[in-house]
Structures are given as structure tokens and as C-alpha cells.
Protein backbone atom coordinates (compact mmCIF):
# COMPACT_ATOMS: atom_id res chain seq x y z
CA MET A 1 -111.55 -60.12 -45.95
CA PHE A 2 -113.78 -56.85 -47.19
CA ARG A 3 -112.28 -56.09 -50.80
CA VAL A 4 -113.66 -54.15 -53.89
CA SER A 5 -114.00 -56.63 -57.22
CA ARG A 6 -111.10 -57.18 -59.79
CA LEU A 7 -113.38 -55.21 -62.04
CA THR A 8 -113.48 -52.14 -59.86
CA ASP A 9 -109.82 -52.15 -59.17
CA TYR A 10 -109.19 -52.55 -62.64
CA ALA A 11 -111.81 -49.45 -63.25
CA THR A 12 -109.49 -47.18 -60.67
CA VAL A 13 -106.80 -47.98 -62.97
CA VAL A 14 -108.39 -47.05 -66.30
CA MET A 15 -109.62 -43.85 -64.65
CA THR A 16 -106.23 -43.19 -63.65
CA CYS A 17 -104.95 -43.60 -66.53
CA ILE A 18 -107.40 -41.22 -68.11
CA ALA A 19 -106.89 -38.79 -65.69
CA ALA A 20 -103.18 -38.91 -66.44
CA HIS A 21 -103.52 -37.10 -69.84
CA PRO A 22 -106.62 -34.26 -69.04
CA ASP A 23 -106.39 -32.68 -72.34
CA ASP A 24 -106.51 -36.01 -74.62
CA VAL A 25 -109.04 -38.12 -75.98
CA LEU A 26 -107.43 -42.04 -75.45
CA SER A 27 -108.51 -44.76 -77.49
CA THR A 28 -109.43 -47.90 -76.03
CA ALA A 29 -106.72 -49.48 -77.26
CA GLN A 30 -104.26 -46.59 -75.79
CA ILE A 31 -105.99 -47.01 -72.43
CA ALA A 32 -105.94 -50.83 -72.20
CA GLU A 33 -102.03 -50.83 -73.54
CA GLU A 34 -101.30 -47.75 -70.74
CA ALA A 35 -103.09 -49.50 -68.17
CA HIS A 36 -101.98 -53.14 -69.20
CA LEU A 37 -105.20 -54.60 -69.52
CA GLU A 38 -107.16 -56.79 -72.13
CA LEU A 39 -109.13 -54.90 -74.56
CA PRO A 40 -112.24 -56.72 -74.14
CA THR A 41 -111.80 -55.96 -70.36
CA VAL A 42 -111.38 -52.11 -70.95
CA SER A 43 -114.00 -51.86 -73.04
CA LYS A 44 -116.49 -53.53 -70.73
CA LEU A 45 -115.28 -51.33 -67.89
CA LEU A 46 -115.42 -47.97 -70.17
CA LYS A 47 -119.26 -48.73 -70.88
CA SER A 48 -119.65 -48.95 -67.26
CA LEU A 49 -118.16 -45.76 -66.29
CA GLY A 50 -119.61 -44.26 -69.73
CA HIS A 51 -123.35 -45.07 -68.33
CA ALA A 52 -122.00 -43.23 -64.81
CA GLY A 53 -121.24 -40.33 -66.13
CA LEU A 54 -117.67 -40.55 -65.28
CA VAL A 55 -116.16 -40.72 -68.84
CA GLU A 56 -117.41 -39.49 -72.11
CA SER A 57 -116.99 -40.90 -75.52
CA PHE A 58 -115.95 -39.71 -79.11
CA ARG A 59 -116.64 -41.42 -81.89
CA GLY A 60 -114.49 -41.02 -85.64
CA VAL A 61 -111.48 -41.46 -86.50
CA ASN A 62 -109.84 -39.61 -83.49
CA GLY A 63 -112.46 -41.00 -81.27
CA GLY A 64 -111.88 -42.18 -77.80
CA TYR A 65 -112.55 -41.57 -74.31
CA ARG A 66 -111.66 -38.55 -71.69
CA LEU A 67 -112.81 -37.85 -68.12
CA ALA A 68 -116.47 -36.41 -67.89
CA ARG A 69 -115.40 -34.03 -65.36
CA PRO A 70 -112.09 -32.75 -63.69
CA ALA A 71 -110.29 -35.66 -61.71
CA SER A 72 -110.71 -33.76 -58.68
CA ASP A 73 -114.34 -33.38 -58.96
CA ILE A 74 -114.49 -37.36 -59.28
CA SER A 75 -114.17 -39.68 -55.74
CA VAL A 76 -112.90 -42.97 -55.63
CA ALA A 77 -116.49 -43.99 -53.98
CA ASP A 78 -117.81 -42.48 -57.58
CA ILE A 79 -115.68 -45.02 -59.31
CA VAL A 80 -117.22 -47.90 -56.69
CA GLU A 81 -120.48 -47.23 -56.82
CA ALA A 82 -120.35 -47.27 -60.96
CA MET A 83 -118.86 -50.49 -60.48
CA GLU A 84 -120.54 -52.19 -57.46
CA GLY A 85 -123.71 -50.10 -57.15
CA PRO A 86 -124.45 -48.27 -53.62
CA LEU A 87 -122.00 -48.33 -51.25
CA GLY A 88 -123.24 -50.41 -48.11
CA MET A 89 -121.09 -53.05 -45.92
CA THR A 90 -124.52 -54.79 -45.13
CA GLU A 91 -128.09 -54.26 -46.54
CA CYS A 92 -129.18 -52.44 -43.20
CA SER A 93 -126.41 -49.77 -43.22
CA MET A 94 -127.65 -48.72 -46.46
CA SER A 95 -131.13 -48.21 -45.86
CA ASP A 96 -134.14 -49.11 -43.52
CA GLY A 97 -136.21 -51.85 -44.60
CA HIS A 98 -134.42 -54.63 -45.90
CA CYS A 99 -133.82 -57.04 -43.20
CA GLU A 100 -136.43 -58.60 -41.22
CA ARG A 101 -134.49 -58.78 -38.21
CA GLU A 102 -133.82 -54.90 -38.39
CA LYS A 103 -136.20 -54.12 -35.13
CA GLN A 104 -134.76 -56.50 -32.78
CA CYS A 105 -130.87 -56.22 -34.32
CA GLY A 106 -128.27 -54.97 -31.52
CA VAL A 107 -125.55 -54.44 -33.81
CA ARG A 108 -127.15 -52.20 -36.95
CA GLY A 109 -126.05 -49.06 -35.61
CA SER A 110 -122.83 -50.06 -35.43
CA TRP A 111 -123.03 -51.41 -38.97
CA GLN A 112 -124.36 -48.33 -40.21
CA ARG A 113 -121.07 -46.17 -37.92
CA ILE A 114 -118.83 -48.54 -39.83
CA ASN A 115 -120.74 -47.98 -43.22
CA ASN A 116 -120.76 -44.37 -42.66
CA VAL A 117 -116.55 -44.46 -41.95
CA LEU A 118 -115.97 -46.34 -45.15
CA ASP A 119 -118.31 -43.83 -47.32
CA ASN A 120 -116.51 -40.68 -45.85
CA ALA A 121 -112.89 -42.60 -46.71
CA LEU A 122 -113.85 -43.08 -50.26
CA ARG A 123 -115.77 -39.90 -50.84
CA SER A 124 -112.44 -37.74 -49.54
CA MET A 125 -110.08 -39.50 -51.97
CA SER A 126 -110.30 -37.66 -55.54
CA LEU A 127 -109.20 -39.26 -59.09
CA ALA A 128 -106.68 -36.52 -58.73
CA ASP A 129 -105.09 -37.75 -55.18
CA MET A 130 -105.47 -41.07 -57.07
CA LEU A 131 -102.54 -40.15 -59.50
CA ARG A 132 -100.09 -38.33 -56.34
CA PRO A 133 -97.69 -40.95 -54.90
CA ALA A 134 -98.95 -42.34 -51.78
CA ALA A 135 -96.45 -40.63 -49.44
CA HIS A 136 -98.51 -36.91 -50.47
CA ALA A 137 -102.11 -38.54 -50.98
CA PRO A 138 -104.16 -37.03 -48.35
CA VAL A 139 -104.54 -39.57 -45.37
CA ALA A 140 -108.24 -40.36 -43.99
CA THR A 141 -107.87 -40.56 -40.09
CA VAL A 142 -111.07 -42.23 -38.35
CA ALA A 143 -111.76 -41.64 -34.73
CA LEU A 144 -112.41 -44.98 -33.11
CA PRO A 145 -114.68 -45.21 -30.02
CA GLU A 146 -112.51 -46.11 -26.71
CA LEU A 147 -112.32 -49.52 -25.83
CA LYS A 148 -113.53 -48.95 -21.92
CA GLY A 149 -112.52 -51.90 -19.85
CA ARG A 150 -110.56 -53.96 -22.45
CA THR A 151 -106.78 -54.69 -22.41
CA ALA A 152 -104.71 -55.24 -25.16
CA PRO A 153 -103.85 -58.96 -26.10
């Protein structure tokens, strides 16, 4: 099963929590309480999200965090990359020269196509979309190649 890490999942929760309060600077404690996450976990996530330029921090009595740009300008891919690094299903699907079998590999092109579909889907979903109920969020559609000569099981 392919899945993002638990911290990446939590990062999307933290980001949607902050995005739900676009005009406010939220303390780490407020975010942790609203997200139902432990304070040390939220602190760790905010540090990574800050380094990626997705949130900005403010010091002082009224300090805290807010989004660095509008929620509509932050994609799910931005959050995943902040936590996991570059998107790639396989090493060779991200760039050339990472696999000694690259030249003779028969599936590299297919993995690159799959990687592009995943990348496009994550980039098409914004943080603002994540705030909407699932029934109203845009659904990414993918055109799959026809399975010629194959019958359904």
C-alpha cells in the first residue's frame, strides 16, 4: 500500500487548522488543541512547514503562526514535499541517473507516467480545497490507457 507518513498526514491537519483562521495568528497550543494533536508533534510539524515557507511565525506575547500565503495558493503537493521531500514513486521516476538498471529497464517510462499522474493530482488540490466538505472538493480524473486484449476477472 502506498501512503504518506503519519507526520505528513498530521501536517495537512495542522495546515487546514491554520487555514480555517486566515486572519488570525494561532499559538502552537491553539493549533494542537484544535487539531487534537500533541503539542511536541505540532511544534515539530510547524518547524518543517516554516522551513518550507508554508507558514510564518511571529514571536512575542501574541505570537504564533499563520499561513505564509493564501490557502488557495498552497497545494497538497507543497505540504507533502515539505515533509517527505520530492515526490516520486520510484527513484527513476524523479530524475535520470539514480539507478544502474535505468538503460535496460522496461518499466521506467510507466513509473514516470504514474508519478506524473500522482504529482498532478496533488498539485491540483489546494489547501483551500481541503477545507471544503468532500462532496464539494474537486475530483481529479485520470485517463487510464485502454487494456487491449484483456478481459475483466
